Amino acid sequence: MKLNKGKICNSPFLGVYSFVTDDYCIVPNNILKKEETHLKKYLKTKIIKTTINQSPLIGVYITGNKHKVVANENSITTKEIEILEKEGIKIKTVNDYNALGNLVALNSQYGIASVLLNEKTISTMKTFFNMPIKQEVLANGEVPGSSLYVNDNLFVVNPNVSEKEYNNIQKNFKVNGKAQTLNYGDMFVANDVVGNKNATIVGHMTSTAELIKLDELVVELEE
């Protein structure tokens, strides 16, 4: 697995502007060509260009894993659904808060959802993803989707996380991780990073010290 820095739409907030799995990377239509080339080089995925909620803030409005994503029913248009379904992605809509990317953290094993979401949404997601999803306050906040970045290879979490929360993340998601900041002190780390089995890419403002700490994790995973 490679570790690198990057931008999307000239922004260091990669997780805000994209959604990445092992097979595809959903990005805004106005992504710069050099940024698209960089993502392809490291993530080695298909690039899908679209909007969500007629906005470039892809990672804010959707959450998911593998070939499934969830969005608020009023935050994704019929055309946007058609674009994703044409690429083999299954879409489930719910009637709840619209910024689901900020409120839910998932990999293929487990999910943590905000306590702000209603019970019907949680039930729908459990059935759709066919796995446990638990509502929790994480790092003293109600936005676990922003405080925790997780995939099937690693996690990065807000450094304010407690030891118990950290251990539960490791146990339930079944991956190793780091509690640290990215993008020069940002604690909402899921806004700052994207990745898959091929690479982890962090925002270009990430400091050398932050990069070294994350690189220790990447090296551990390769051993």
C-alpha atoms as a PDB file:
ATOM      1  CA  MET A   1       0.000   0.000   0.000  1.00  0.00           C
ATOM      2  CA  LYS A   2       1.300   3.437  -0.923  1.00  0.00           C
ATOM      3  CA  LEU A   3       0.929   6.679   1.040  1.00  0.00           C
ATOM      4  CA  ASN A   4       0.783  10.033  -0.684  1.00  0.00           C
ATOM      5  CA  LYS A   5      -0.604  13.569  -0.520  1.00  0.00           C
ATOM      6  CA  GLY A   6      -3.187  15.015  -2.894  1.00  0.00           C
ATOM      7  CA  LYS A   7      -5.904  17.537  -3.699  1.00  0.00           C
ATOM      8  CA  ILE A   8      -9.393  17.466  -5.187  1.00  0.00           C
ATOM      9  CA  CYS A   9     -10.770  20.696  -6.631  1.00  0.00           C
ATOM     10  CA  ASN A  10      -7.640  22.360  -5.234  1.00  0.00           C
ATOM     11  CA  SER A  11      -8.777  21.392  -1.747  1.00  0.00           C
ATOM     12  CA  PRO A  12      -6.958  19.300   0.878  1.00  0.00           C
ATOM     13  CA  PHE A  13     -10.310  17.928   2.073  1.00  0.00           C
ATOM     14  CA  LEU A  14     -10.298  14.804  -0.067  1.00  0.00           C
ATOM     15  CA  GLY A  15     -12.956  13.033   1.964  1.00  0.00           C
ATOM     16  CA  VAL A  16     -15.358  15.916   1.520  1.00  0.00           C
ATOM     17  CA  TYR A  17     -15.053  15.915  -2.268  1.00  0.00           C
ATOM     18  CA  SER A  18     -14.967  12.181  -3.011  1.00  0.00           C
ATOM     19  CA  PHE A  19     -16.014   8.656  -2.074  1.00  0.00           C
ATOM     20  CA  VAL A  20     -13.550   5.815  -2.656  1.00  0.00           C
ATOM     21  CA  THR A  21     -13.678   2.017  -2.597  1.00  0.00           C
ATOM     22  CA  ASP A  22     -11.360  -0.674  -3.987  1.00  0.00           C
ATOM     23  CA  ASP A  23     -13.187  -0.511  -7.323  1.00  0.00           C
ATOM     24  CA  TYR A  24     -14.210   3.086  -7.910  1.00  0.00           C
ATOM     25  CA  CYS A  25     -13.655   6.693  -6.948  1.00  0.00           C
ATOM     26  CA  ILE A  26     -16.618   9.090  -7.152  1.00  0.00           C
ATOM     27  CA  VAL A  27     -15.415  12.653  -7.715  1.00  0.00           C
ATOM     28  CA  PRO A  28     -16.893  16.007  -8.776  1.00  0.00           C
ATOM     29  CA  ASN A  29     -17.319  16.839 -12.447  1.00  0.00           C
ATOM     30  CA  ASN A  30     -14.968  19.802 -12.045  1.00  0.00           C
ATOM     31  CA  ILE A  31     -12.005  17.822 -10.701  1.00  0.00           C
ATOM     32  CA  LEU A  32      -8.765  18.995 -12.299  1.00  0.00           C
ATOM     33  CA  LYS A  33      -7.215  16.629 -14.827  1.00  0.00           C
ATOM     34  CA  LYS A  34      -3.937  16.400 -12.909  1.00  0.00           C
ATOM     35  CA  GLU A  35      -5.866  15.538  -9.738  1.00  0.00           C
ATOM     36  CA  GLU A  36      -7.790  12.812 -11.555  1.00  0.00           C
ATOM     37  CA  THR A  37      -4.541  11.388 -12.943  1.00  0.00           C
ATOM     38  CA  HIS A  38      -3.023  11.372  -9.455  1.00  0.00           C
ATOM     39  CA  LEU A  39      -5.972   9.462  -7.983  1.00  0.00           C
ATOM     40  CA  LYS A  40      -5.897   6.907 -10.809  1.00  0.00           C
ATOM     41  CA  LYS A  41      -2.162   6.376 -10.374  1.00  0.00           C
ATOM     42  CA  TYR A  42      -2.348   5.563  -6.676  1.00  0.00           C
ATOM     43  CA  LEU A  43      -5.850   4.204  -6.073  1.00  0.00           C
ATOM     44  CA  LYS A  44      -5.934   2.227  -9.335  1.00  0.00           C
ATOM     45  CA  THR A  45      -9.712   2.534  -9.656  1.00  0.00           C
ATOM     46  CA  LYS A  46     -12.340   3.632 -12.119  1.00  0.00           C
ATOM     47  CA  ILE A  47     -13.103   7.358 -11.824  1.00  0.00           C
ATOM     48  CA  ILE A  48     -16.816   8.219 -11.766  1.00  0.00           C
ATOM     49  CA  LYS A  49     -17.617  11.906 -12.238  1.00  0.00           C
ATOM     50  CA  THR A  50     -20.890  13.290 -10.946  1.00  0.00           C
ATOM     51  CA  THR A  51     -22.496  15.533  -8.369  1.00  0.00           C
ATOM     52  CA  ILE A  52     -24.496  14.534  -5.314  1.00  0.00           C
ATOM     53  CA  ASN A  53     -27.314  16.891  -4.333  1.00  0.00           C
ATOM     54  CA  GLN A  54     -26.150  18.913  -7.370  1.00  0.00           C
ATOM     55  CA  SER A  55     -23.005  19.642  -5.376  1.00  0.00           C
ATOM     56  CA  PRO A  56     -19.316  18.652  -5.581  1.00  0.00           C
ATOM     57  CA  LEU A  57     -19.397  17.637  -1.899  1.00  0.00           C
ATOM     58  CA  ILE A  58     -19.626  13.928  -2.697  1.00  0.00           C
ATOM     59  CA  GLY A  59     -18.308  12.632   0.609  1.00  0.00           C
ATOM     60  CA  VAL A  60     -20.633  14.799   2.667  1.00  0.00           C
ATOM     61  CA  TYR A  61     -23.850  13.457   1.163  1.00  0.00           C
ATOM     62  CA  ILE A  62     -23.193   9.733   0.741  1.00  0.00           C
ATOM     63  CA  THR A  63     -21.811   6.913   2.830  1.00  0.00           C
ATOM     64  CA  GLY A  64     -21.309   3.260   2.027  1.00  0.00           C
ATOM     65  CA  ASN A  65     -18.963   0.372   1.327  1.00  0.00           C
ATOM     66  CA  LYS A  66     -18.019  -1.783  -1.629  1.00  0.00           C
ATOM     67  CA  HIS A  67     -20.847  -1.413  -4.198  1.00  0.00           C
ATOM     68  CA  LYS A  68     -23.517   0.090  -1.950  1.00  0.00           C
ATOM     69  CA  VAL A  69     -24.167   3.677  -0.911  1.00  0.00           C
ATOM     70  CA  VAL A  70     -26.849   5.451   1.101  1.00  0.00           C
ATOM     71  CA  ALA A  71     -28.098   9.011   0.671  1.00  0.00           C
ATOM     72  CA  ASN A  72     -30.917  11.147   1.962  1.00  0.00           C
ATOM     73  CA  GLU A  73     -33.856  10.920  -0.453  1.00  0.00           C
ATOM     74  CA  ASN A  74     -33.868  14.702  -0.915  1.00  0.00           C
ATOM     75  CA  SER A  75     -30.094  14.914  -1.377  1.00  0.00           C
ATOM     76  CA  ILE A  76     -29.626  12.860  -4.516  1.00  0.00           C
ATOM     77  CA  THR A  77     -31.333  13.443  -7.850  1.00  0.00           C
ATOM     78  CA  THR A  78     -32.774  10.837 -10.192  1.00  0.00           C
ATOM     79  CA  LYS A  79     -30.029  11.618 -12.697  1.00  0.00           C
ATOM     80  CA  GLU A  80     -27.310  11.159 -10.058  1.00  0.00           C
ATOM     81  CA  ILE A  81     -28.813   7.815  -9.032  1.00  0.00           C
ATOM     82  CA  GLU A  82     -28.861   6.715 -12.681  1.00  0.00           C
ATOM     83  CA  ILE A  83     -25.166   7.628 -13.094  1.00  0.00           C
ATOM     84  CA  LEU A  84     -24.168   5.523 -10.091  1.00  0.00           C
ATOM     85  CA  GLU A  85     -26.455   2.602 -10.888  1.00  0.00           C
ATOM     86  CA  LYS A  86     -25.054   2.485 -14.424  1.00  0.00           C
ATOM     87  CA  GLU A  87     -21.667   1.806 -12.806  1.00  0.00           C
ATOM     88  CA  GLY A  88     -23.079  -1.107 -10.814  1.00  0.00           C
ATOM     89  CA  ILE A  89     -23.515   0.779  -7.525  1.00  0.00           C
ATOM     90  CA  LYS A  90     -26.650   0.031  -5.507  1.00  0.00           C
ATOM     91  CA  ILE A  91     -28.367   3.064  -3.957  1.00  0.00           C
ATOM     92  CA  LYS A  92     -30.606   3.162  -0.900  1.00  0.00           C
ATOM     93  CA  THR A  93     -32.322   6.403   0.137  1.00  0.00           C
ATOM     94  CA  VAL A  94     -33.538   7.338   3.611  1.00  0.00           C
ATOM     95  CA  ASN A  95     -35.581  10.156   5.081  1.00  0.00           C
ATOM     96  CA  ASP A  96     -33.230  11.744   7.610  1.00  0.00           C
ATOM     97  CA  TYR A  97     -30.363  14.230   7.917  1.00  0.00           C
ATOM     98  CA  ASN A  98     -28.751  14.913   4.556  1.00  0.00           C
ATOM     99  CA  ALA A  99     -25.036  14.910   5.457  1.00  0.00           C
ATOM    100  CA  LEU A 100     -24.826  11.143   5.926  1.00  0.00           C
ATOM    101  CA  GLY A 101     -21.135  11.082   5.073  1.00  0.00           C
ATOM    102  CA  ASN A 102     -20.476  13.134   8.207  1.00  0.00           C
ATOM    103  CA  LEU A 103     -22.767  11.005  10.339  1.00  0.00           C
ATOM    104  CA  VAL A 104     -21.849   7.404   9.484  1.00  0.00           C
ATOM    105  CA  ALA A 105     -18.518   5.530   9.319  1.00  0.00           C
ATOM    106  CA  LEU A 106     -18.515   2.102   7.641  1.00  0.00           C
ATOM    107  CA  ASN A 107     -16.357  -0.663   6.334  1.00  0.00           C
ATOM    108  CA  SER A 108     -17.520  -4.145   5.312  1.00  0.00           C
ATOM    109  CA  GLN A 109     -17.563  -5.413   8.916  1.00  0.00           C
ATOM    110  CA  TYR A 110     -19.247  -2.787  11.038  1.00  0.00           C
ATOM    111  CA  GLY A 111     -20.674   0.704  11.203  1.00  0.00           C
ATOM    112  CA  ILE A 112     -20.882   3.580  13.675  1.00  0.00           C
ATOM    113  CA  ALA A 113     -23.750   6.023  13.181  1.00  0.00           C
ATOM    114  CA  SER A 114     -24.602   9.325  14.784  1.00  0.00           C
ATOM    115  CA  VAL A 115     -27.085   9.437  17.644  1.00  0.00           C
ATOM    116  CA  LEU A 116     -28.837  12.151  15.625  1.00  0.00           C
ATOM    117  CA  LEU A 117     -30.190   9.644  13.104  1.00  0.00           C
ATOM    118  CA  ASN A 118     -33.607   8.072  13.543  1.00  0.00           C
ATOM    119  CA  GLU A 119     -34.206   4.390  14.284  1.00  0.00           C
ATOM    120  CA  LYS A 120     -35.754   3.719  10.876  1.00  0.00           C
ATOM    121  CA  THR A 121     -32.597   4.936   9.139  1.00  0.00           C
ATOM    122  CA  ILE A 122     -30.419   2.669  11.273  1.00  0.00           C
ATOM    123  CA  SER A 123     -32.696  -0.303  10.619  1.00  0.00           C
ATOM    124  CA  THR A 124     -32.675   0.380   6.872  1.00  0.00           C
ATOM    125  CA  MET A 125     -28.882   0.601   6.784  1.00  0.00           C
ATOM    126  CA  LYS A 126     -28.426  -2.578   8.836  1.00  0.00           C
ATOM    127  CA  THR A 127     -30.582  -4.483   6.347  1.00  0.00           C
ATOM    128  CA  PHE A 128     -29.059  -2.856   3.259  1.00  0.00           C
ATOM    129  CA  PHE A 129     -25.449  -3.456   4.313  1.00  0.00           C
ATOM    130  CA  ASN A 130     -26.276  -6.718   6.141  1.00  0.00           C
ATOM    131  CA  MET A 131     -24.071  -5.959   9.147  1.00  0.00           C
ATOM    132  CA  PRO A 132     -24.220  -4.416  12.617  1.00  0.00           C
ATOM    133  CA  ILE A 133     -24.438  -0.625  12.835  1.00  0.00           C
ATOM    134  CA  LYS A 134     -24.440   0.993  16.264  1.00  0.00           C
ATOM    135  CA  GLN A 135     -25.298   4.566  17.208  1.00  0.00           C
ATOM    136  CA  GLU A 136     -22.542   6.102  19.292  1.00  0.00           C
ATOM    137  CA  VAL A 137     -21.047   9.388  20.429  1.00  0.00           C
ATOM    138  CA  LEU A 138     -17.420   9.321  19.261  1.00  0.00           C
ATOM    139  CA  ALA A 139     -14.638  11.558  20.597  1.00  0.00           C
ATOM    140  CA  ASN A 140     -17.283  13.586  22.453  1.00  0.00           C
ATOM    141  CA  GLY A 141     -19.035  14.416  19.179  1.00  0.00           C
ATOM    142  CA  GLU A 142     -22.130  13.492  17.178  1.00  0.00           C
ATOM    143  CA  VAL A 143     -20.382  13.262  13.782  1.00  0.00           C
ATOM    144  CA  PRO A 144     -18.612   9.862  13.699  1.00  0.00           C
ATOM    145  CA  GLY A 145     -18.461  10.005   9.912  1.00  0.00           C
ATOM    146  CA  SER A 146     -16.161  13.026  10.194  1.00  0.00           C
ATOM    147  CA  SER A 147     -14.191  11.859  13.236  1.00  0.00           C
ATOM    148  CA  LEU A 148     -13.425   8.364  11.922  1.00  0.00           C
ATOM    149  CA  TYR A 149     -12.043   7.323   8.549  1.00  0.00           C
ATOM    150  CA  VAL A 150     -12.183   3.564   8.120  1.00  0.00           C
ATOM    151  CA  ASN A 151     -11.972   1.029   5.310  1.00  0.00           C
ATOM    152  CA  ASP A 152     -11.133  -2.682   5.164  1.00  0.00           C
ATOM    153  CA  ASN A 153      -7.419  -2.003   5.611  1.00  0.00           C
ATOM    154  CA  LEU A 154      -7.008   0.668   8.287  1.00  0.00           C
ATOM    155  CA  PHE A 155      -8.593   3.468  10.272  1.00  0.00           C
ATOM    156  CA  VAL A 156      -7.640   6.984  11.318  1.00  0.00           C
ATOM    157  CA  VAL A 157      -9.591   8.564  14.148  1.00  0.00           C
ATOM    158  CA  ASN A 158      -9.928  11.901  15.947  1.00  0.00           C
ATOM    159  CA  PRO A 159      -7.152  12.049  18.598  1.00  0.00           C
ATOM    160  CA  ASN A 160      -9.726  12.999  21.258  1.00  0.00           C
ATOM    161  CA  VAL A 161     -11.025   9.421  21.127  1.00  0.00           C
ATOM    162  CA  SER A 162     -10.897   7.562  24.446  1.00  0.00           C
ATOM    163  CA  GLU A 163      -8.859   4.406  24.905  1.00  0.00           C
ATOM    164  CA  LYS A 164     -12.069   2.395  25.191  1.00  0.00           C
ATOM    165  CA  GLU A 165     -13.455   3.908  21.967  1.00  0.00           C
ATOM    166  CA  TYR A 166     -10.172   3.254  20.163  1.00  0.00           C
ATOM    167  CA  ASN A 167     -10.115  -0.384  21.269  1.00  0.00           C
ATOM    168  CA  ASN A 168     -13.749  -0.876  20.252  1.00  0.00           C
ATOM    169  CA  ILE A 169     -13.051   0.553  16.785  1.00  0.00           C
ATOM    170  CA  GLN A 170     -10.153  -1.845  16.349  1.00  0.00           C
ATOM    171  CA  LYS A 171     -12.217  -4.785  17.587  1.00  0.00           C
ATOM    172  CA  ASN A 172     -15.453  -4.120  15.695  1.00  0.00           C
ATOM    173  CA  PHE A 173     -14.062  -2.914  12.354  1.00  0.00           C
ATOM    174  CA  LYS A 174     -11.312  -5.591  12.502  1.00  0.00           C
ATOM    175  CA  VAL A 175      -8.523  -3.286  11.313  1.00  0.00           C
ATOM    176  CA  ASN A 176      -5.614  -1.429  12.919  1.00  0.00           C
ATOM    177  CA  GLY A 177      -5.349   2.322  13.008  1.00  0.00           C
ATOM    178  CA  LYS A 178      -3.999   5.569  14.421  1.00  0.00           C
ATOM    179  CA  ALA A 179      -5.511   8.313  16.559  1.00  0.00           C
ATOM    180  CA  GLN A 180      -4.076  11.484  15.072  1.00  0.00           C
ATOM    181  CA  THR A 181      -4.727  14.688  13.171  1.00  0.00           C
ATOM    182  CA  LEU A 182      -4.284  15.310   9.441  1.00  0.00           C
ATOM    183  CA  ASN A 183      -4.094  18.444   7.269  1.00  0.00           C
ATOM    184  CA  TYR A 184      -1.989  20.266   9.855  1.00  0.00           C
ATOM    185  CA  GLY A 185      -4.084  19.739  12.948  1.00  0.00           C
ATOM    186  CA  ASP A 186      -7.557  18.855  11.688  1.00  0.00           C
ATOM    187  CA  MET A 187      -9.237  16.469  14.122  1.00  0.00           C
ATOM    188  CA  PHE A 188     -12.090  15.642  11.727  1.00  0.00           C
ATOM    189  CA  VAL A 189      -9.770  13.287   9.914  1.00  0.00           C
ATOM    190  CA  ALA A 190     -12.337  11.636   7.627  1.00  0.00           C
ATOM    191  CA  ASN A 191     -12.542  14.960   5.777  1.00  0.00           C
ATOM    192  CA  ASP A 192      -8.828  14.742   5.018  1.00  0.00           C
ATOM    193  CA  VAL A 193      -8.184  11.254   3.632  1.00  0.00           C
ATOM    194  CA  VAL A 194      -9.311   8.697   1.064  1.00  0.00           C
ATOM    195  CA  GLY A 195      -7.967   5.263   0.355  1.00  0.00           C
ATOM    196  CA  ASN A 196      -8.368   1.611  -0.526  1.00  0.00           C
ATOM    197  CA  LYS A 197      -6.263  -1.557  -0.689  1.00  0.00           C
ATOM    198  CA  ASN A 198      -3.828   0.131  -3.084  1.00  0.00           C
ATOM    199  CA  ALA A 199      -3.126   3.479  -1.446  1.00  0.00           C
ATOM    200  CA  THR A 200      -3.954   6.008   1.223  1.00  0.00           C
ATOM    201  CA  ILE A 201      -4.013   9.640   0.086  1.00  0.00           C
ATOM    202  CA  VAL A 202      -4.125  12.491   2.592  1.00  0.00           C
ATOM    203  CA  GLY A 203      -4.719  16.197   2.074  1.00  0.00           C
ATOM    204  CA  HIS A 204      -1.745  18.192   0.816  1.00  0.00           C
ATOM    205  CA  MET A 205      -1.657  20.300   4.003  1.00  0.00           C
ATOM    206  CA  THR A 206      -0.781  17.245   6.110  1.00  0.00           C
ATOM    207  CA  SER A 207       2.424  17.955   8.031  1.00  0.00           C
ATOM    208  CA  THR A 208       5.563  15.861   7.905  1.00  0.00           C
ATOM    209  CA  ALA A 209       5.012  14.739  11.504  1.00  0.00           C
ATOM    210  CA  GLU A 210       1.430  13.650  10.721  1.00  0.00           C
ATOM    211  CA  LEU A 211       2.575  11.866   7.579  1.00  0.00           C
ATOM    212  CA  ILE A 212       5.337   9.999   9.429  1.00  0.00           C
ATOM    213  CA  LYS A 213       2.873   8.796  12.069  1.00  0.00           C
ATOM    214  CA  LEU A 214       0.466   7.498   9.426  1.00  0.00           C
ATOM    215  CA  ASP A 215       3.323   5.967   7.458  1.00  0.00           C
ATOM    216  CA  GLU A 216       4.186   3.873  10.524  1.00  0.00           C
ATOM    217  CA  LEU A 217       0.731   2.299  10.241  1.00  0.00           C
ATOM    218  CA  VAL A 218       1.043   1.698   6.511  1.00  0.00           C
ATOM    219  CA  VAL A 219       4.442   0.051   7.008  1.00  0.00           C
ATOM    220  CA  GLU A 220       2.994  -2.180   9.759  1.00  0.00           C
ATOM    221  CA  LEU A 221       0.233  -3.331   7.398  1.00  0.00           C
ATOM    222  CA  GLU A 222       2.760  -4.278   4.732  1.00  0.00           C
ATOM    223  CA  GLU A 223       4.854  -6.408   7.091  1.00  0.00           C
END
